Amino acid sequence: MPSSNDISLKTSIAGIALDCCVYNASGPRTGTAAALCKIANSASGGVLAKSATCLEQRGNPLPRTWVSPEASLNSEGLPNSGIDYYISSENIMNAMMMNTTSSDTKKQQIAKPYMISISGKTLEDNVEMIKKVLNSTSSLSQIACLELNLACPNVIGKPIIAYDFDQMETVLKTVANIPNIQKLKLGVKLPPYFDDPHFEMAASVLNKYSNVVQYVASINTIGNALVIDVEAEMPFISSNGGFAGLSGPAVKHTALANVYKMRQLLNSSIDVVGVGGIESGQDVFEFLLCGASAVQVGTCHWREGPKCFDRICAELKQLLRTKGYKSSQEVQGKLVPWNKAAAAKSRAIAKKKSIKTTKKIRQPLIDHMDMMHALLMIVVAFLLADKVFHQ
């Protein structure tokens, strides 16, 4: 059995090499170079910046987020520093700087992919931002890829872009015709789909532009969730009437299904990155089985900070080691159909684990009871001896 140190978590998305298949989602804790630097100095395989708009914006009024162990909701309204900030060569260098106790003024840069995300309010905004990246020769060389967020509204009165397949095709066709677009590695952030025809229509559009789209990130939040403050008898979130996007552990199973479906329907040249409810090494393992080449962590990173990447990667390595795998790539897309023999084996393993757990719980209890019994016997002996002495 290989040791955890021998386990490789290397992967690639859109032809970009990652030393680790786990990295951050675009969202909380990704808005500044200082925040991104903390991610760069963790076990995260890459660094993905906050979804940018053309200009800096503050987002929706507070409170606009809510979090619990089971789920998180946000109606942030894309607060960000604007595209110029995230493609600034200086800011990228600061984001990818190695933390060191050395007094050297020239700090070493971290050799991880730096990625940006854009979410324009209109198609024209997205085109403008892509052109800015392409025309910025210095920063273009520092940017590994661009993630186009099609999981947010584009035109007022229209659905989320990737739910309106005509609009989605218009966006991708326009992007594909931008001069020199081939210089950019391009990914697309997708919303969750729930019906088979929607999966098929989305995949059909994406496959049509597989010469431009090199990966999809699936899924974004599930829209229009609501959480209620029972004491105040009102929503916890003030923005948008209390309606917000749902993420965290509550969306994991929907995310797994979307990754599995997309991997089945998309051209093999388009990688799938899993997003949604990932909090442990086992969660990552499940997404890999469903065909994800890599995963992004959002809510857990928000709650726990960049140290979550170290923990999750350590857990994944331990699980791979236990199951006899030497790398995460050996697991990708290896989910097998349900079968009776495997189900019986799984039940037997679960039963064995349950017995071991019960023994671990019972043995300290038995030891404690034995100690109490011994103490009781000593007390009784002492009382009897004292009684004999006074007779």
Protein backbone atom coordinates (compact mmCIF):
# COMPACT_ATOMS: atom_id res chain seq x y z
CA MET A 1 0.00 0.00 0.00
CA PRO A 2 1.51 3.40 -1.00
CA SER A 3 2.15 5.99 1.70
CA SER A 4 0.20 9.26 1.62
CA ASN A 5 3.37 11.08 0.56
CA ASP A 6 3.54 8.93 -2.58
CA ILE A 7 -0.02 9.77 -3.67
CA SER A 8 -0.26 12.21 -6.59
CA LEU A 9 -3.13 14.70 -6.83
CA LYS A 10 -1.88 16.13 -10.13
CA THR A 11 -4.35 16.83 -12.91
CA SER A 12 -4.99 19.23 -15.76
CA ILE A 13 -7.89 21.34 -16.96
CA ALA A 14 -7.97 22.97 -20.39
CA GLY A 15 -4.43 21.69 -20.86
CA ILE A 16 -3.25 23.59 -17.76
CA ALA A 17 -1.22 21.49 -15.34
CA LEU A 18 -2.28 21.59 -11.68
CA ASP A 19 -0.21 19.99 -8.93
CA CYS A 20 -3.44 19.40 -7.01
CA CYS A 21 -6.96 18.68 -8.28
CA VAL A 22 -8.52 20.83 -5.51
CA TYR A 23 -8.65 24.62 -5.74
CA ASN A 24 -10.89 27.53 -4.81
CA ALA A 25 -14.16 28.61 -6.37
CA SER A 26 -14.71 32.23 -7.34
CA GLY A 27 -16.61 33.79 -4.45
CA PRO A 28 -15.98 34.90 -0.86
CA ARG A 29 -12.32 35.33 0.18
CA THR A 30 -11.21 35.85 -3.45
CA GLY A 31 -11.75 39.58 -3.96
CA THR A 32 -8.31 41.01 -3.18
CA ALA A 33 -4.69 40.19 -3.95
CA ALA A 34 -4.09 39.67 -0.22
CA ALA A 35 -6.90 37.11 0.01
CA LEU A 36 -5.72 35.34 -3.15
CA CYS A 37 -2.17 35.22 -1.76
CA LYS A 38 -3.42 33.16 1.20
CA ILE A 39 -4.93 30.66 -1.25
CA ALA A 40 -1.71 30.57 -3.27
CA ASN A 41 0.23 29.67 -0.12
CA SER A 42 -2.10 26.77 0.71
CA ALA A 43 -2.35 23.30 -0.86
CA SER A 44 -4.82 24.66 -3.44
CA GLY A 45 -3.84 23.58 -6.95
CA GLY A 46 -4.61 26.99 -8.46
CA VAL A 47 -5.88 30.46 -7.64
CA LEU A 48 -9.18 31.71 -9.08
CA ALA A 49 -10.08 35.37 -8.60
CA LYS A 50 -13.49 36.86 -7.85
CA SER A 51 -15.92 37.17 -10.76
CA ALA A 52 -15.21 40.60 -12.22
CA THR A 53 -17.43 43.22 -13.80
CA CYS A 54 -16.22 46.05 -16.04
CA LEU A 55 -16.11 48.48 -13.13
CA GLU A 56 -15.69 48.08 -9.38
CA GLN A 57 -18.97 47.55 -7.53
CA ARG A 58 -19.96 47.15 -3.89
CA GLY A 59 -22.76 44.65 -4.34
CA ASN A 60 -26.07 44.36 -2.50
CA PRO A 61 -26.85 45.87 0.93
CA LEU A 62 -26.07 43.88 4.08
CA PRO A 63 -27.03 41.37 5.36
CA ARG A 64 -26.63 39.47 2.09
CA THR A 65 -25.23 36.13 3.28
CA TRP A 66 -26.25 33.37 5.68
CA VAL A 67 -24.37 30.21 6.61
CA SER A 68 -25.03 27.06 8.63
CA PRO A 69 -23.34 23.62 8.81
CA GLU A 70 -25.83 22.33 6.23
CA ALA A 71 -25.95 25.17 3.71
CA SER A 72 -25.09 28.72 2.83
CA LEU A 73 -27.05 31.42 1.02
CA ASN A 74 -25.82 34.55 -0.65
CA SER A 75 -27.25 37.47 -2.52
CA GLU A 76 -23.99 39.39 -2.79
CA GLY A 77 -24.63 41.13 -6.09
CA LEU A 78 -21.07 40.50 -7.33
CA PRO A 79 -19.03 42.86 -5.15
CA ASN A 80 -15.60 43.06 -6.81
CA SER A 81 -12.74 45.41 -7.63
CA GLY A 82 -13.34 45.51 -11.39
CA ILE A 83 -11.57 43.69 -14.23
CA ASP A 84 -8.58 46.09 -14.32
CA TYR A 85 -7.70 45.09 -10.75
CA TYR A 86 -7.68 41.34 -11.42
CA ILE A 87 -5.61 41.57 -14.60
CA SER A 88 -3.12 44.07 -13.20
CA SER A 89 0.36 42.58 -13.48
CA GLU A 90 1.30 44.04 -10.09
CA ASN A 91 -1.79 42.62 -8.36
CA ILE A 92 -1.21 39.21 -9.93
CA MET A 93 2.38 39.22 -8.67
CA ASN A 94 1.19 40.17 -5.17
CA ALA A 95 -1.46 37.44 -5.26
CA MET A 96 1.08 34.79 -6.26
CA MET A 97 3.82 35.82 -3.79
CA MET A 98 5.28 33.22 -1.48
CA ASN A 99 4.95 33.93 2.24
CA THR A 100 8.36 33.75 3.83
CA THR A 101 10.06 34.79 7.05
CA SER A 102 13.06 35.86 5.03
CA SER A 103 13.97 39.54 5.11
CA ASP A 104 14.68 39.49 1.37
CA THR A 105 12.80 42.29 -0.36
CA LYS A 106 12.54 40.20 -3.52
CA LYS A 107 10.09 37.44 -2.65
CA GLN A 108 9.67 34.29 -4.69
CA GLN A 109 6.63 33.84 -6.90
CA ILE A 110 4.47 30.72 -6.55
CA ALA A 111 4.31 28.53 -9.66
CA LYS A 112 0.57 27.86 -9.66
CA PRO A 113 -1.99 28.77 -12.32
CA TYR A 114 -3.63 32.15 -11.74
CA MET A 115 -7.14 32.26 -13.18
CA ILE A 116 -9.73 34.98 -13.57
CA SER A 117 -13.52 34.96 -13.75
CA ILE A 118 -15.79 37.45 -15.48
CA SER A 119 -19.51 38.06 -15.14
CA GLY A 120 -20.53 41.03 -17.26
CA LYS A 121 -23.94 42.62 -16.89
CA THR A 122 -24.34 42.42 -20.67
CA LEU A 123 -22.78 40.50 -23.54
CA GLU A 124 -21.01 43.70 -24.53
CA ASP A 125 -19.45 43.87 -21.05
CA ASN A 126 -18.11 40.34 -21.36
CA VAL A 127 -16.65 41.05 -24.78
CA GLU A 128 -15.01 44.23 -23.50
CA MET A 129 -13.41 42.41 -20.58
CA ILE A 130 -12.12 39.56 -22.75
CA LYS A 131 -10.59 42.07 -25.16
CA LYS A 132 -8.92 43.85 -22.23
CA VAL A 133 -7.27 40.60 -21.19
CA LEU A 134 -6.16 39.81 -24.75
CA ASN A 135 -4.77 43.32 -25.25
CA SER A 136 -2.86 43.32 -21.97
CA THR A 137 0.30 41.58 -23.14
CA SER A 138 2.03 41.61 -19.74
CA SER A 139 -0.88 40.24 -17.70
CA LEU A 140 -1.97 37.80 -20.42
CA SER A 141 1.24 35.85 -19.90
CA GLN A 142 0.41 35.59 -16.15
CA ILE A 143 -3.21 34.46 -16.62
CA ALA A 144 -3.64 30.72 -17.10
CA CYS A 145 -7.30 30.84 -18.10
CA LEU A 146 -10.51 32.84 -18.02
CA GLU A 147 -13.78 31.49 -16.59
CA LEU A 148 -16.86 33.00 -18.22
CA ASN A 149 -19.73 33.00 -15.74
CA LEU A 150 -22.91 32.11 -17.64
CA ALA A 151 -24.74 31.23 -14.44
CA CYS A 152 -25.84 34.81 -13.76
CA PRO A 153 -28.48 36.99 -15.48
CA ASN A 154 -27.31 38.86 -18.57
CA VAL A 155 -30.22 40.90 -19.89
CA ILE A 156 -32.88 42.28 -17.51
CA GLY A 157 -36.10 40.33 -17.96
CA LYS A 158 -34.25 37.34 -19.44
CA PRO A 159 -33.40 34.09 -17.61
CA ILE A 160 -29.89 33.20 -16.45
CA ILE A 161 -27.83 32.99 -19.65
CA ALA A 162 -27.21 29.24 -19.51
CA TYR A 163 -30.94 28.59 -18.97
CA ASP A 164 -31.76 30.45 -22.19
CA PHE A 165 -30.05 28.24 -24.77
CA ASP A 166 -30.53 30.69 -27.66
CA GLN A 167 -28.92 33.42 -25.59
CA MET A 168 -26.18 31.02 -24.50
CA GLU A 169 -25.34 30.21 -28.10
CA THR A 170 -25.32 33.90 -29.01
CA VAL A 171 -22.82 34.59 -26.22
CA LEU A 172 -20.49 31.73 -27.17
CA LYS A 173 -20.71 32.53 -30.89
CA THR A 174 -19.78 36.15 -30.18
CA VAL A 175 -16.92 35.13 -27.90
CA ALA A 176 -15.65 32.63 -30.47
CA ASN A 177 -15.42 35.43 -33.04
CA ILE A 178 -13.31 37.75 -30.86
CA PRO A 179 -9.94 38.22 -32.60
CA ASN A 180 -7.13 36.15 -31.04
CA ILE A 181 -9.52 34.37 -28.67
CA GLN A 182 -7.43 31.23 -29.14
CA LYS A 183 -4.72 32.87 -27.02
CA LEU A 184 -6.97 32.37 -24.00
CA LYS A 185 -7.85 29.14 -22.26
CA LEU A 186 -11.60 29.50 -21.71
CA GLY A 187 -13.92 27.85 -19.22
CA VAL A 188 -17.65 28.33 -18.65
CA LYS A 189 -19.40 28.42 -15.26
CA LEU A 190 -22.78 26.66 -15.47
CA PRO A 191 -25.92 26.79 -13.34
CA PRO A 192 -27.48 23.55 -12.10
CA TYR A 193 -29.73 21.67 -14.52
CA PHE A 194 -32.55 19.41 -13.38
CA ASP A 195 -34.23 17.99 -16.52
CA ASP A 196 -32.66 15.65 -19.08
CA PRO A 197 -33.61 17.84 -22.08
CA HIS A 198 -31.87 20.82 -20.44
CA PHE A 199 -28.68 18.82 -19.92
CA GLU A 200 -28.79 17.75 -23.55
CA MET A 201 -29.49 21.22 -24.94
CA ALA A 202 -26.73 22.81 -22.85
CA ALA A 203 -24.22 20.13 -23.86
CA SER A 204 -25.20 20.51 -27.51
CA VAL A 205 -24.42 24.24 -27.46
CA LEU A 206 -21.16 23.74 -25.58
CA ASN A 207 -20.03 20.96 -27.93
CA LYS A 208 -20.70 23.23 -30.88
CA TYR A 209 -18.09 25.63 -29.51
CA SER A 210 -15.61 23.06 -28.19
CA ASN A 211 -12.89 24.78 -30.23
CA VAL A 212 -13.20 27.67 -27.75
CA VAL A 213 -14.72 26.20 -24.56
CA GLN A 214 -12.12 23.97 -22.90
CA TYR A 215 -13.78 23.25 -19.56
CA VAL A 216 -17.03 23.76 -17.68
CA ALA A 217 -17.39 24.41 -13.94
CA SER A 218 -20.56 22.81 -12.64
CA ILE A 219 -22.50 23.95 -10.62
CA ASN A 220 -23.15 27.51 -9.55
CA THR A 221 -25.60 28.15 -6.71
CA ILE A 222 -29.21 26.94 -6.89
CA GLY A 223 -31.22 30.10 -7.34
CA ASN A 224 -34.07 31.57 -5.30
CA ALA A 225 -33.62 29.85 -1.97
CA LEU A 226 -35.06 31.42 1.16
CA VAL A 227 -34.08 31.19 4.84
CA ILE A 228 -36.36 32.49 7.58
CA ASP A 229 -35.54 34.16 10.90
CA VAL A 230 -38.33 32.64 13.03
CA GLU A 231 -37.83 35.03 15.96
CA ALA A 232 -38.13 38.11 13.73
CA GLU A 233 -40.56 36.42 11.31
CA MET A 234 -38.65 37.70 8.28
CA PRO A 235 -35.93 36.55 5.86
CA PHE A 236 -32.36 36.52 7.17
CA ILE A 237 -31.18 38.23 3.96
CA SER A 238 -32.29 41.79 3.20
CA SER A 239 -31.40 41.91 -0.51
CA ASN A 240 -33.70 40.78 -3.31
CA GLY A 241 -36.67 40.20 -1.02
CA GLY A 242 -34.69 37.56 0.89
CA PHE A 243 -34.21 35.31 -2.16
CA ALA A 244 -30.65 34.07 -2.58
CA GLY A 245 -28.43 31.43 -4.14
CA LEU A 246 -28.14 28.15 -2.24
CA SER A 247 -24.73 26.46 -1.87
CA GLY A 248 -22.80 24.30 0.56
CA PRO A 249 -23.49 20.66 1.55
CA ALA A 250 -27.19 21.02 0.64
CA VAL A 251 -26.35 21.17 -3.09
CA LYS A 252 -23.72 18.43 -3.24
CA HIS A 253 -25.92 15.69 -4.65
CA THR A 254 -27.33 17.99 -7.33
CA ALA A 255 -23.76 18.99 -8.21
CA LEU A 256 -22.65 15.36 -8.44
CA ALA A 257 -25.51 14.59 -10.83
CA ASN A 258 -24.65 17.60 -13.00
CA VAL A 259 -20.97 16.64 -13.22
CA TYR A 260 -21.85 13.03 -14.05
CA LYS A 261 -24.36 14.05 -16.73
CA MET A 262 -22.09 16.66 -18.28
CA ARG A 263 -19.18 14.25 -18.43
CA GLN A 264 -21.40 11.82 -20.34
CA LEU A 265 -22.71 14.41 -22.79
CA LEU A 266 -19.76 16.72 -23.48
CA ASN A 267 -16.98 16.14 -25.98
CA SER A 268 -13.93 14.55 -24.38
CA SER A 269 -11.94 17.70 -25.20
CA ILE A 270 -14.05 19.68 -22.68
CA ASP A 271 -12.98 19.03 -19.08
CA VAL A 272 -15.49 19.13 -16.22
CA VAL A 273 -14.68 20.85 -12.92
CA GLY A 274 -16.97 19.91 -10.04
CA VAL A 275 -18.31 22.59 -7.69
CA GLY A 276 -20.88 22.37 -4.91
CA GLY A 277 -20.83 21.23 -1.30
CA ILE A 278 -17.26 19.92 -1.21
CA GLU A 279 -15.99 19.81 2.37
CA SER A 280 -13.88 16.66 2.66
CA GLY A 281 -11.53 14.33 0.85
CA GLN A 282 -14.40 11.89 0.39
CA ASP A 283 -16.46 14.60 -1.33
CA VAL A 284 -13.61 15.17 -3.79
CA PHE A 285 -13.33 11.42 -4.36
CA GLU A 286 -17.02 11.24 -5.29
CA PHE A 287 -16.71 14.07 -7.82
CA LEU A 288 -13.66 12.41 -9.36
CA LEU A 289 -15.59 9.17 -9.75
CA CYS A 290 -18.31 11.12 -11.58
CA GLY A 291 -15.74 12.35 -14.12
CA ALA A 292 -14.49 15.65 -12.72
CA SER A 293 -10.91 16.48 -13.66
CA ALA A 294 -10.70 18.88 -10.71
CA VAL A 295 -12.94 20.45 -8.09
CA GLN A 296 -13.49 23.94 -6.69
CA VAL A 297 -14.27 24.64 -3.02
CA GLY A 298 -16.51 27.60 -2.14
CA THR A 299 -18.60 27.52 1.04
CA CYS A 300 -16.06 25.48 3.02
CA HIS A 301 -13.33 27.96 2.02
CA TRP A 302 -15.63 30.80 3.11
CA ARG A 303 -16.20 29.24 6.54
CA GLU A 304 -12.81 27.69 7.22
CA GLY A 305 -10.36 29.81 5.25
CA PRO A 306 -7.50 28.57 3.03
CA LYS A 307 -6.44 25.96 5.60
CA CYS A 308 -9.38 23.90 4.28
CA PHE A 309 -7.32 23.04 1.18
CA ASP A 310 -4.56 21.50 3.29
CA ARG A 311 -7.06 19.41 5.26
CA ILE A 312 -9.14 18.29 2.27
CA CYS A 313 -6.04 17.30 0.26
CA ALA A 314 -4.64 15.33 3.20
CA GLU A 315 -7.97 13.51 3.59
CA LEU A 316 -8.11 12.74 -0.12
CA LYS A 317 -4.59 11.31 -0.09
CA GLN A 318 -5.43 9.15 2.91
CA LEU A 319 -8.60 7.83 1.24
CA LEU A 320 -6.76 7.07 -2.01
CA ARG A 321 -4.04 5.29 -0.04
CA THR A 322 -6.59 3.23 1.89
CA LYS A 323 -8.30 2.18 -1.33
CA GLY A 324 -5.00 1.32 -3.03
CA TYR A 325 -4.81 4.16 -5.57
CA LYS A 326 -1.55 5.90 -6.40
CA SER A 327 -3.10 9.02 -7.93
CA SER A 328 -6.35 10.95 -8.15
CA GLN A 329 -6.33 10.52 -11.93
CA GLU A 330 -6.81 6.76 -11.53
CA VAL A 331 -10.25 7.50 -10.07
CA GLN A 332 -11.57 9.97 -12.67
CA GLY A 333 -14.70 8.75 -14.41
CA LYS A 334 -14.56 5.28 -12.82
CA LEU A 335 -18.07 5.29 -11.33
CA VAL A 336 -19.62 1.88 -12.09
CA PRO A 337 -23.33 1.00 -12.43
CA TRP A 338 -25.07 -0.45 -9.39
CA ASN A 339 -24.61 -4.20 -9.03
CA LYS A 340 -25.63 -6.72 -6.39
CA ALA A 341 -22.16 -8.09 -5.64
CA ALA A 342 -20.61 -4.67 -5.05
CA ALA A 343 -23.57 -3.62 -2.89
CA ALA A 344 -23.14 -6.71 -0.71
CA LYS A 345 -19.41 -6.01 -0.36
CA SER A 346 -20.16 -2.41 0.62
CA ARG A 347 -22.63 -3.53 3.29
CA ALA A 348 -20.07 -5.97 4.71
CA ILE A 349 -17.43 -3.24 4.90
CA ALA A 350 -19.90 -0.85 6.55
CA LYS A 351 -20.83 -3.55 9.09
CA LYS A 352 -17.18 -4.23 9.87
CA LYS A 353 -16.53 -0.51 10.38
CA SER A 354 -19.60 -0.30 12.63
CA ILE A 355 -18.34 -3.17 14.79
CA LYS A 356 -14.91 -1.54 15.10
CA THR A 357 -16.51 1.78 16.03
CA THR A 358 -18.70 0.08 18.64
CA LYS A 359 -15.66 -1.66 20.13
CA LYS A 360 -13.78 1.64 20.29
CA ILE A 361 -16.70 3.19 22.16
CA ARG A 362 -17.35 0.19 24.43
CA GLN A 363 -13.77 -0.60 25.43
CA PRO A 364 -13.09 2.74 27.19
CA LEU A 365 -16.48 2.37 28.87
CA ILE A 366 -15.59 -1.16 30.05
CA ASP A 367 -12.18 0.04 31.22
CA HIS A 368 -13.86 2.90 33.09
CA MET A 369 -16.34 0.52 34.72
CA ASP A 370 -13.52 -1.86 35.71
CA MET A 371 -11.67 1.02 37.31
CA MET A 372 -14.79 2.16 39.17
CA HIS A 373 -15.38 -1.43 40.33
CA ALA A 374 -11.80 -1.64 41.62
CA LEU A 375 -12.16 1.68 43.43
CA LEU A 376 -15.45 0.52 44.96
CA MET A 377 -13.82 -2.67 46.22
CA ILE A 378 -11.00 -0.63 47.79
CA VAL A 379 -13.54 1.62 49.54
CA VAL A 380 -15.51 -1.40 50.81
CA ALA A 381 -12.31 -3.07 52.05
CA PHE A 382 -11.29 0.15 53.79
CA LEU A 383 -14.68 0.46 55.52
CA LEU A 384 -14.62 -3.16 56.65
CA ALA A 385 -11.11 -2.81 57.99
CA ASP A 386 -12.07 0.36 59.84
CA LYS A 387 -15.06 -1.42 61.38
CA VAL A 388 -12.92 -4.34 62.60
CA PHE A 389 -10.36 -1.93 64.04
CA HIS A 390 -13.00 -0.16 66.16
CA GLN A 391 -14.60 -3.33 67.53
